[in-house]
N, C-alpha and C. Protein backbone atom coordinates (compact mmCIF):
# COMPACT_ATOMS: atom_id res chain seq x y z
N MET A 1 109.22 84.82 102.96
CA MET A 1 108.34 85.88 103.74
C MET A 1 106.64 85.75 103.10
N LEU A 2 105.46 86.01 103.46
CA LEU A 2 104.32 86.05 102.83
C LEU A 2 103.11 86.33 104.39
N ASP A 3 102.12 86.63 104.05
CA ASP A 3 101.03 87.31 104.93
C ASP A 3 100.09 86.14 105.01
N PHE A 4 100.58 84.62 105.53
CA PHE A 4 99.94 83.42 105.73
C PHE A 4 98.14 83.41 106.02
N ASN A 5 98.14 84.08 107.03
CA ASN A 5 96.86 84.70 107.16
C ASN A 5 95.67 85.99 107.01
N ARG A 6 96.87 86.86 106.21
CA ARG A 6 96.38 87.98 105.34
C ARG A 6 95.53 89.08 106.72
N ASP A 7 96.55 89.26 107.76
CA ASP A 7 96.64 90.33 108.61
C ASP A 7 97.31 91.35 108.34
N GLY A 8 98.10 91.67 107.52
CA GLY A 8 98.77 92.44 107.45
C GLY A 8 100.22 92.64 108.03
N LEU A 9 100.63 91.42 109.00
CA LEU A 9 102.16 90.75 109.22
C LEU A 9 102.44 89.73 108.44
N ASN A 10 103.62 90.27 108.20
CA ASN A 10 104.71 89.25 107.69
C ASN A 10 105.18 87.68 108.68
N ASP A 11 104.25 86.77 107.52
CA ASP A 11 104.47 85.80 108.41
C ASP A 11 106.04 85.02 107.67
N ILE A 12 106.68 84.08 108.01
CA ILE A 12 107.68 83.50 107.67
C ILE A 12 107.45 81.48 107.41
N VAL A 13 107.93 81.13 106.33
CA VAL A 13 108.27 79.63 106.36
C VAL A 13 109.46 79.17 105.95
N MET A 14 109.86 78.56 106.28
CA MET A 14 111.26 78.27 106.85
C MET A 14 111.25 76.12 106.00
N THR A 15 112.32 76.05 105.08
CA THR A 15 112.23 74.76 104.82
C THR A 15 113.80 74.30 105.31
N ASN A 16 113.65 72.93 105.76
CA ASN A 16 114.86 72.54 105.96
C ASN A 16 114.99 71.02 105.04
N VAL A 17 116.75 70.69 105.35
CA VAL A 17 116.58 69.59 104.54
C VAL A 17 116.38 68.48 105.22
N GLU A 18 115.72 67.20 104.72
CA GLU A 18 115.31 66.41 105.45
C GLU A 18 114.46 66.90 107.23
N GLU A 19 114.24 67.82 107.13
CA GLU A 19 113.18 68.15 108.41
C GLU A 19 111.96 69.05 107.51
N PRO A 20 110.74 68.70 108.72
CA PRO A 20 109.58 69.64 108.02
C PRO A 20 109.82 70.73 107.84
N SER A 21 108.81 71.76 107.18
CA SER A 21 108.92 72.91 106.92
C SER A 21 108.51 73.37 108.26
N ALA A 22 108.62 74.90 108.75
CA ALA A 22 107.81 75.56 109.70
C ALA A 22 107.37 76.71 109.34
N LEU A 23 105.84 77.31 109.82
CA LEU A 23 105.24 78.39 109.64
C LEU A 23 105.28 79.02 110.65
N LEU A 24 106.15 80.15 110.42
CA LEU A 24 106.09 80.90 111.84
C LEU A 24 105.28 82.37 111.90
N LEU A 25 103.85 82.27 112.35
CA LEU A 25 103.01 83.56 112.70
C LEU A 25 103.41 84.47 113.14
N ASN A 26 103.29 85.73 112.51
CA ASN A 26 103.58 86.82 113.61
C ASN A 26 102.24 87.07 114.05
N GLN A 27 102.15 87.43 115.66
CA GLN A 27 100.96 87.47 116.23
C GLN A 27 101.00 88.82 116.73
N THR A 28 102.20 89.43 116.18
CA THR A 28 102.11 90.91 116.90
C THR A 28 100.78 91.81 116.99
N GLU A 29 100.57 92.19 118.45
CA GLU A 29 99.21 93.04 118.33
C GLU A 29 99.48 94.43 118.00
N VAL A 30 99.46 95.25 117.15
CA VAL A 30 99.58 96.33 116.23
C VAL A 30 98.22 97.28 116.34
N ALA A 31 98.39 98.35 116.27
CA ALA A 31 96.86 99.43 115.74
C ALA A 31 97.34 100.09 114.37
N ASN A 32 98.24 100.18 113.66
CA ASN A 32 98.66 100.30 112.96
C ASN A 32 98.23 99.88 111.45
N HIS A 33 97.90 101.07 110.58
CA HIS A 33 97.41 100.29 109.35
C HIS A 33 98.02 99.95 107.96
N TRP A 34 97.78 99.40 107.17
CA TRP A 34 98.49 98.76 106.47
C TRP A 34 98.06 98.37 104.79
N LEU A 35 98.85 98.43 103.54
CA LEU A 35 98.46 97.70 102.19
C LEU A 35 99.32 96.96 101.99
N GLN A 36 98.46 95.72 101.17
CA GLN A 36 99.24 94.89 99.95
C GLN A 36 98.69 95.16 98.76
N VAL A 37 99.68 95.15 97.81
CA VAL A 37 99.42 95.57 96.39
C VAL A 37 100.06 94.10 95.53
N GLU A 38 99.00 93.47 94.85
CA GLU A 38 99.58 92.94 94.38
C GLU A 38 99.16 92.94 92.74
N LEU A 39 100.44 93.08 91.33
CA LEU A 39 100.58 93.81 90.69
C LEU A 39 100.23 92.64 89.44
N VAL A 40 99.69 93.00 88.34
CA VAL A 40 99.68 91.90 87.17
C VAL A 40 100.01 93.06 86.10
N GLY A 41 100.91 92.36 85.37
CA GLY A 41 101.12 93.47 84.21
C GLY A 41 100.27 92.53 82.92
N THR A 42 100.14 93.56 82.05
CA THR A 42 99.54 93.30 80.91
C THR A 42 100.21 93.28 79.62
N SER A 43 100.54 94.38 79.60
CA SER A 43 101.79 94.81 78.34
C SER A 43 103.32 94.55 79.14
N SER A 44 103.47 94.72 80.39
CA SER A 44 104.44 94.32 81.05
C SER A 44 104.59 93.21 81.53
N ASP A 45 105.68 92.57 81.91
CA ASP A 45 106.11 91.17 82.51
C ASP A 45 104.57 90.76 83.43
N ARG A 46 104.04 89.80 83.44
CA ARG A 46 102.88 89.33 84.40
C ARG A 46 102.90 89.80 85.33
N ASP A 47 104.32 89.44 85.96
CA ASP A 47 104.32 89.39 87.30
C ASP A 47 105.31 90.67 87.69
N ALA A 48 105.22 91.77 86.95
CA ALA A 48 105.48 93.35 87.06
C ALA A 48 106.86 93.13 88.23
N VAL A 49 107.70 92.46 87.78
CA VAL A 49 109.16 92.44 88.23
C VAL A 49 109.69 93.60 87.74
N GLY A 50 110.31 94.59 88.68
CA GLY A 50 110.72 96.03 88.68
C GLY A 50 110.09 96.85 88.55
N ALA A 51 108.92 96.69 88.76
CA ALA A 51 107.65 97.74 88.87
C ALA A 51 107.85 98.98 90.08
N GLU A 52 107.94 99.92 90.26
CA GLU A 52 107.87 100.70 91.71
C GLU A 52 106.29 101.16 91.77
N VAL A 53 106.17 101.09 93.21
CA VAL A 53 104.81 101.54 93.54
C VAL A 53 105.34 102.49 94.41
N VAL A 54 104.64 103.67 94.10
CA VAL A 54 104.42 104.99 95.21
C VAL A 54 103.45 104.94 95.75
N LEU A 55 103.32 105.59 97.06
CA LEU A 55 102.05 105.47 97.79
C LEU A 55 101.96 107.05 98.59
N VAL A 56 101.26 107.39 98.08
CA VAL A 56 100.82 108.47 99.03
C VAL A 56 100.19 108.81 99.58
N GLY A 57 99.97 108.89 101.25
CA GLY A 57 99.05 109.08 102.23
C GLY A 57 99.06 110.55 102.72
N SER A 58 98.30 110.39 103.82
CA SER A 58 98.11 112.18 104.09
C SER A 58 99.04 112.20 104.88
N GLU A 59 100.03 111.35 105.49
CA GLU A 59 100.82 111.99 106.36
C GLU A 59 102.60 111.26 105.87
N MET A 60 102.64 110.79 104.69
CA MET A 60 104.05 110.03 104.17
C MET A 60 103.44 109.46 102.67
N THR A 61 104.77 109.61 102.38
CA THR A 61 104.77 109.07 100.81
C THR A 61 105.81 107.80 100.80
N GLN A 62 105.60 106.67 100.29
CA GLN A 62 106.61 105.59 100.41
C GLN A 62 106.97 105.21 99.06
N HIS A 63 108.03 104.47 98.64
CA HIS A 63 108.64 103.76 97.37
C HIS A 63 108.60 102.62 97.59
N ALA A 64 108.26 101.42 96.70
CA ALA A 64 108.86 100.09 96.85
C ALA A 64 108.99 99.90 95.38
N TRP A 65 109.77 98.31 95.08
CA TRP A 65 109.88 97.98 94.19
C TRP A 65 109.29 96.30 94.01
N ARG A 66 108.81 95.96 92.70
CA ARG A 66 108.32 94.53 92.75
C ARG A 66 109.44 93.79 92.70
N VAL A 67 110.08 92.99 93.49
CA VAL A 67 111.62 92.57 93.00
C VAL A 67 111.18 90.79 92.91
N ALA A 68 112.29 90.03 92.22
CA ALA A 68 111.70 88.36 92.05
C ALA A 68 112.05 87.61 93.11
N GLY A 69 113.01 88.36 93.74
CA GLY A 69 113.18 87.50 95.26
C GLY A 69 114.57 88.15 95.88
N ASP A 70 114.90 87.70 96.82
CA ASP A 70 115.54 88.42 97.55
C ASP A 70 117.00 87.75 98.55
N GLY A 71 117.34 86.78 97.86
CA GLY A 71 118.11 85.65 99.02
C GLY A 71 118.18 84.39 97.75
N TYR A 72 119.55 83.50 97.71
CA TYR A 72 119.86 82.58 97.37
C TYR A 72 118.68 81.53 97.59
N LEU A 73 118.22 80.73 96.71
CA LEU A 73 117.20 79.86 96.61
C LEU A 73 116.31 80.21 97.56
N CYS A 74 115.29 81.19 97.80
CA CYS A 74 114.54 81.66 98.10
C CYS A 74 113.19 82.61 97.59
N SER A 75 112.29 82.70 98.07
CA SER A 75 111.23 83.48 97.18
C SER A 75 110.25 84.01 98.57
N ASN A 76 109.58 85.30 97.98
CA ASN A 76 108.99 85.89 99.18
C ASN A 76 107.39 85.73 98.36
N GLU A 77 106.38 85.85 98.83
CA GLU A 77 104.63 86.47 98.29
C GLU A 77 105.40 87.40 97.44
N ASP A 78 104.35 87.41 96.21
CA ASP A 78 104.99 88.11 94.78
C ASP A 78 103.66 89.93 95.64
N ILE A 79 103.60 90.32 96.36
CA ILE A 79 103.06 91.38 96.54
C ILE A 79 104.37 92.39 97.03
N VAL A 80 103.66 93.82 97.08
CA VAL A 80 104.67 94.58 97.13
C VAL A 80 103.72 95.32 98.76
N ALA A 81 104.14 95.42 99.98
CA ALA A 81 103.63 95.63 101.11
C ALA A 81 103.82 97.10 101.72
N PHE A 82 103.29 97.90 102.30
CA PHE A 82 103.10 99.08 103.20
C PHE A 82 102.92 99.24 104.34
N GLY A 83 103.51 99.58 105.33
CA GLY A 83 102.87 100.06 106.55
C GLY A 83 102.81 101.67 106.50
N LEU A 84 101.30 101.54 107.41
CA LEU A 84 101.13 103.33 106.92
C LEU A 84 101.17 103.99 108.43
N GLY A 85 101.26 103.03 109.40
CA GLY A 85 101.26 103.47 110.81
C GLY A 85 99.72 103.90 110.90
N ASP A 86 99.71 105.57 111.82
CA ASP A 86 98.60 106.15 112.07
C ASP A 86 97.49 106.54 111.12
N ASP A 87 98.29 106.39 109.75
CA ASP A 87 97.93 106.97 108.11
C ASP A 87 96.74 106.16 107.84
N ASP A 88 95.12 106.34 107.83
CA ASP A 88 94.31 105.60 107.53
C ASP A 88 94.05 105.67 106.26
N VAL A 89 94.52 107.46 105.16
CA VAL A 89 94.08 107.69 104.25
C VAL A 89 95.30 107.35 102.72
N ILE A 90 94.76 106.62 102.61
CA ILE A 90 95.89 106.74 100.82
C ILE A 90 95.39 107.12 99.76
N GLU A 91 95.92 108.33 99.56
CA GLU A 91 95.42 109.47 98.49
C GLU A 91 95.33 109.18 97.34
N ARG A 92 97.08 108.43 97.03
CA ARG A 92 97.00 107.92 95.86
C ARG A 92 97.97 107.06 95.90
N LEU A 93 97.75 106.13 94.47
CA LEU A 93 98.85 104.96 94.68
C LEU A 93 99.33 105.16 93.05
N GLU A 94 100.66 105.24 92.95
CA GLU A 94 101.28 105.12 91.65
C GLU A 94 101.85 104.10 91.09
N VAL A 95 101.98 103.51 89.92
CA VAL A 95 102.52 102.49 89.70
C VAL A 95 103.36 102.98 88.30
N PHE A 96 104.67 102.79 88.44
CA PHE A 96 105.64 102.62 87.07
C PHE A 96 105.89 101.47 86.63
N TRP A 97 105.38 100.91 85.63
CA TRP A 97 105.58 99.55 85.25
C TRP A 97 106.75 99.59 84.53
N PRO A 98 107.27 98.08 84.28
CA PRO A 98 108.43 98.22 83.30
C PRO A 98 108.50 98.27 81.92
N ASP A 99 107.23 98.73 81.41
CA ASP A 99 107.40 98.76 80.23
C ASP A 99 107.71 100.38 79.73
N GLY A 100 107.70 101.26 81.11
CA GLY A 100 107.55 102.71 80.97
C GLY A 100 106.10 103.40 81.13
N THR A 101 104.93 102.47 81.42
CA THR A 101 103.77 103.57 81.44
C THR A 101 103.48 103.22 83.26
N LYS A 102 102.59 104.69 83.18
CA LYS A 102 102.45 105.08 84.66
C LYS A 102 100.93 104.99 84.81
N GLN A 103 100.78 104.28 86.26
CA GLN A 103 99.31 104.30 86.55
C GLN A 103 99.16 104.77 87.57
N GLU A 104 98.01 105.70 87.88
CA GLU A 104 97.59 105.92 89.23
C GLU A 104 96.08 105.92 89.19
N ILE A 105 96.14 105.58 90.85
CA ILE A 105 94.85 105.25 91.23
C ILE A 105 94.39 105.87 92.30
N THR A 106 93.12 106.25 92.80
CA THR A 106 92.57 106.83 94.01
C THR A 106 91.49 105.90 94.58
N GLY A 107 91.46 106.46 95.84
CA GLY A 107 90.20 105.77 96.73
C GLY A 107 90.13 104.77 97.04
N ILE A 108 91.40 103.96 97.64
CA ILE A 108 91.67 102.61 98.17
C ILE A 108 91.55 103.02 99.42
N ALA A 109 90.87 102.01 100.06
CA ALA A 109 90.80 102.12 101.70
C ALA A 109 92.31 101.53 102.18
N ALA A 110 92.71 101.70 103.35
CA ALA A 110 93.90 101.03 104.08
C ALA A 110 93.14 99.36 104.71
N ASP A 111 94.22 98.84 105.05
CA ASP A 111 94.00 97.61 105.56
C ASP A 111 93.42 96.48 104.82
N GLN A 112 93.76 96.26 103.91
CA GLN A 112 93.84 94.86 102.69
C GLN A 112 94.71 95.20 101.86
N ARG A 113 94.12 94.25 101.07
CA ARG A 113 95.36 93.86 99.92
C ARG A 113 94.69 93.82 98.78
N VAL A 114 94.87 94.57 97.38
CA VAL A 114 94.39 94.72 96.51
C VAL A 114 95.35 94.16 95.24
N ILE A 115 94.43 94.30 94.25
CA ILE A 115 95.02 93.68 92.59
C ILE A 115 95.27 95.05 91.88
N VAL A 116 96.04 95.16 91.58
CA VAL A 116 96.24 96.32 90.41
C VAL A 116 96.87 95.91 89.07
N ILE A 117 95.71 96.02 88.00
CA ILE A 117 96.26 94.95 86.57
C ILE A 117 96.31 96.45 86.19
N GLN A 118 97.66 96.07 85.34
CA GLN A 118 97.93 97.12 84.11
C GLN A 118 96.84 97.72 83.48
N GLY A 119 96.77 99.10 83.32
CA GLY A 119 95.97 99.61 82.42
C GLY A 119 94.47 99.72 82.75
N GLN A 120 93.93 99.13 83.89
CA GLN A 120 92.57 99.11 84.58
C GLN A 120 92.73 100.50 85.81
N SER A 121 91.80 101.41 85.80
CA SER A 121 91.44 102.68 86.25
C SER A 121 91.03 102.18 87.51
N GLU A 122 90.56 101.21 88.10
CA GLU A 122 90.32 100.79 89.42
C GLU A 122 90.84 99.48 89.86
N VAL A 123 91.14 99.18 91.25
CA VAL A 123 91.81 97.72 91.76
C VAL A 123 90.87 97.05 92.06
N SER A 124 91.24 95.77 92.00
CA SER A 124 90.41 94.43 92.22
C SER A 124 90.33 94.52 93.80
N GLY A 125 89.37 93.77 94.47
CA GLY A 125 89.32 93.51 95.73
C GLY A 125 90.25 92.75 96.49
N GLN A 126 90.13 92.61 97.33
CA GLN A 126 91.00 91.55 98.45
C GLN A 126 90.76 90.19 97.93
N ARG A 127 91.92 88.94 97.95
CA ARG A 127 91.74 88.07 97.32
C ARG A 127 92.17 87.16 98.54
């Protein structure tokens, strides 16, 4: 899974033995908000595998973890994705890094991909 066209919806790439690969674009029309977080560790593992990300919005709190993969011989895009529904306010983003440190960031707008670098107080813009 990945967000091939960076629209906040998960797309899928499928590979087959002796056949061409297939890209399945998710073209669902939705009005919901979203946020994608790419983590970059500095004192933790660079890929931040094992990090917990907590998103606190005005209507809900969500938890997600950065994992290395989720199936045999497959890998997903290295982001943590959140669906926000109608909630367009992200009050706080907390990252619990694998080395035990905690990072808190505020002032993040919805409907974008951000890069969180361990130890930096602000996110980097969309890539």
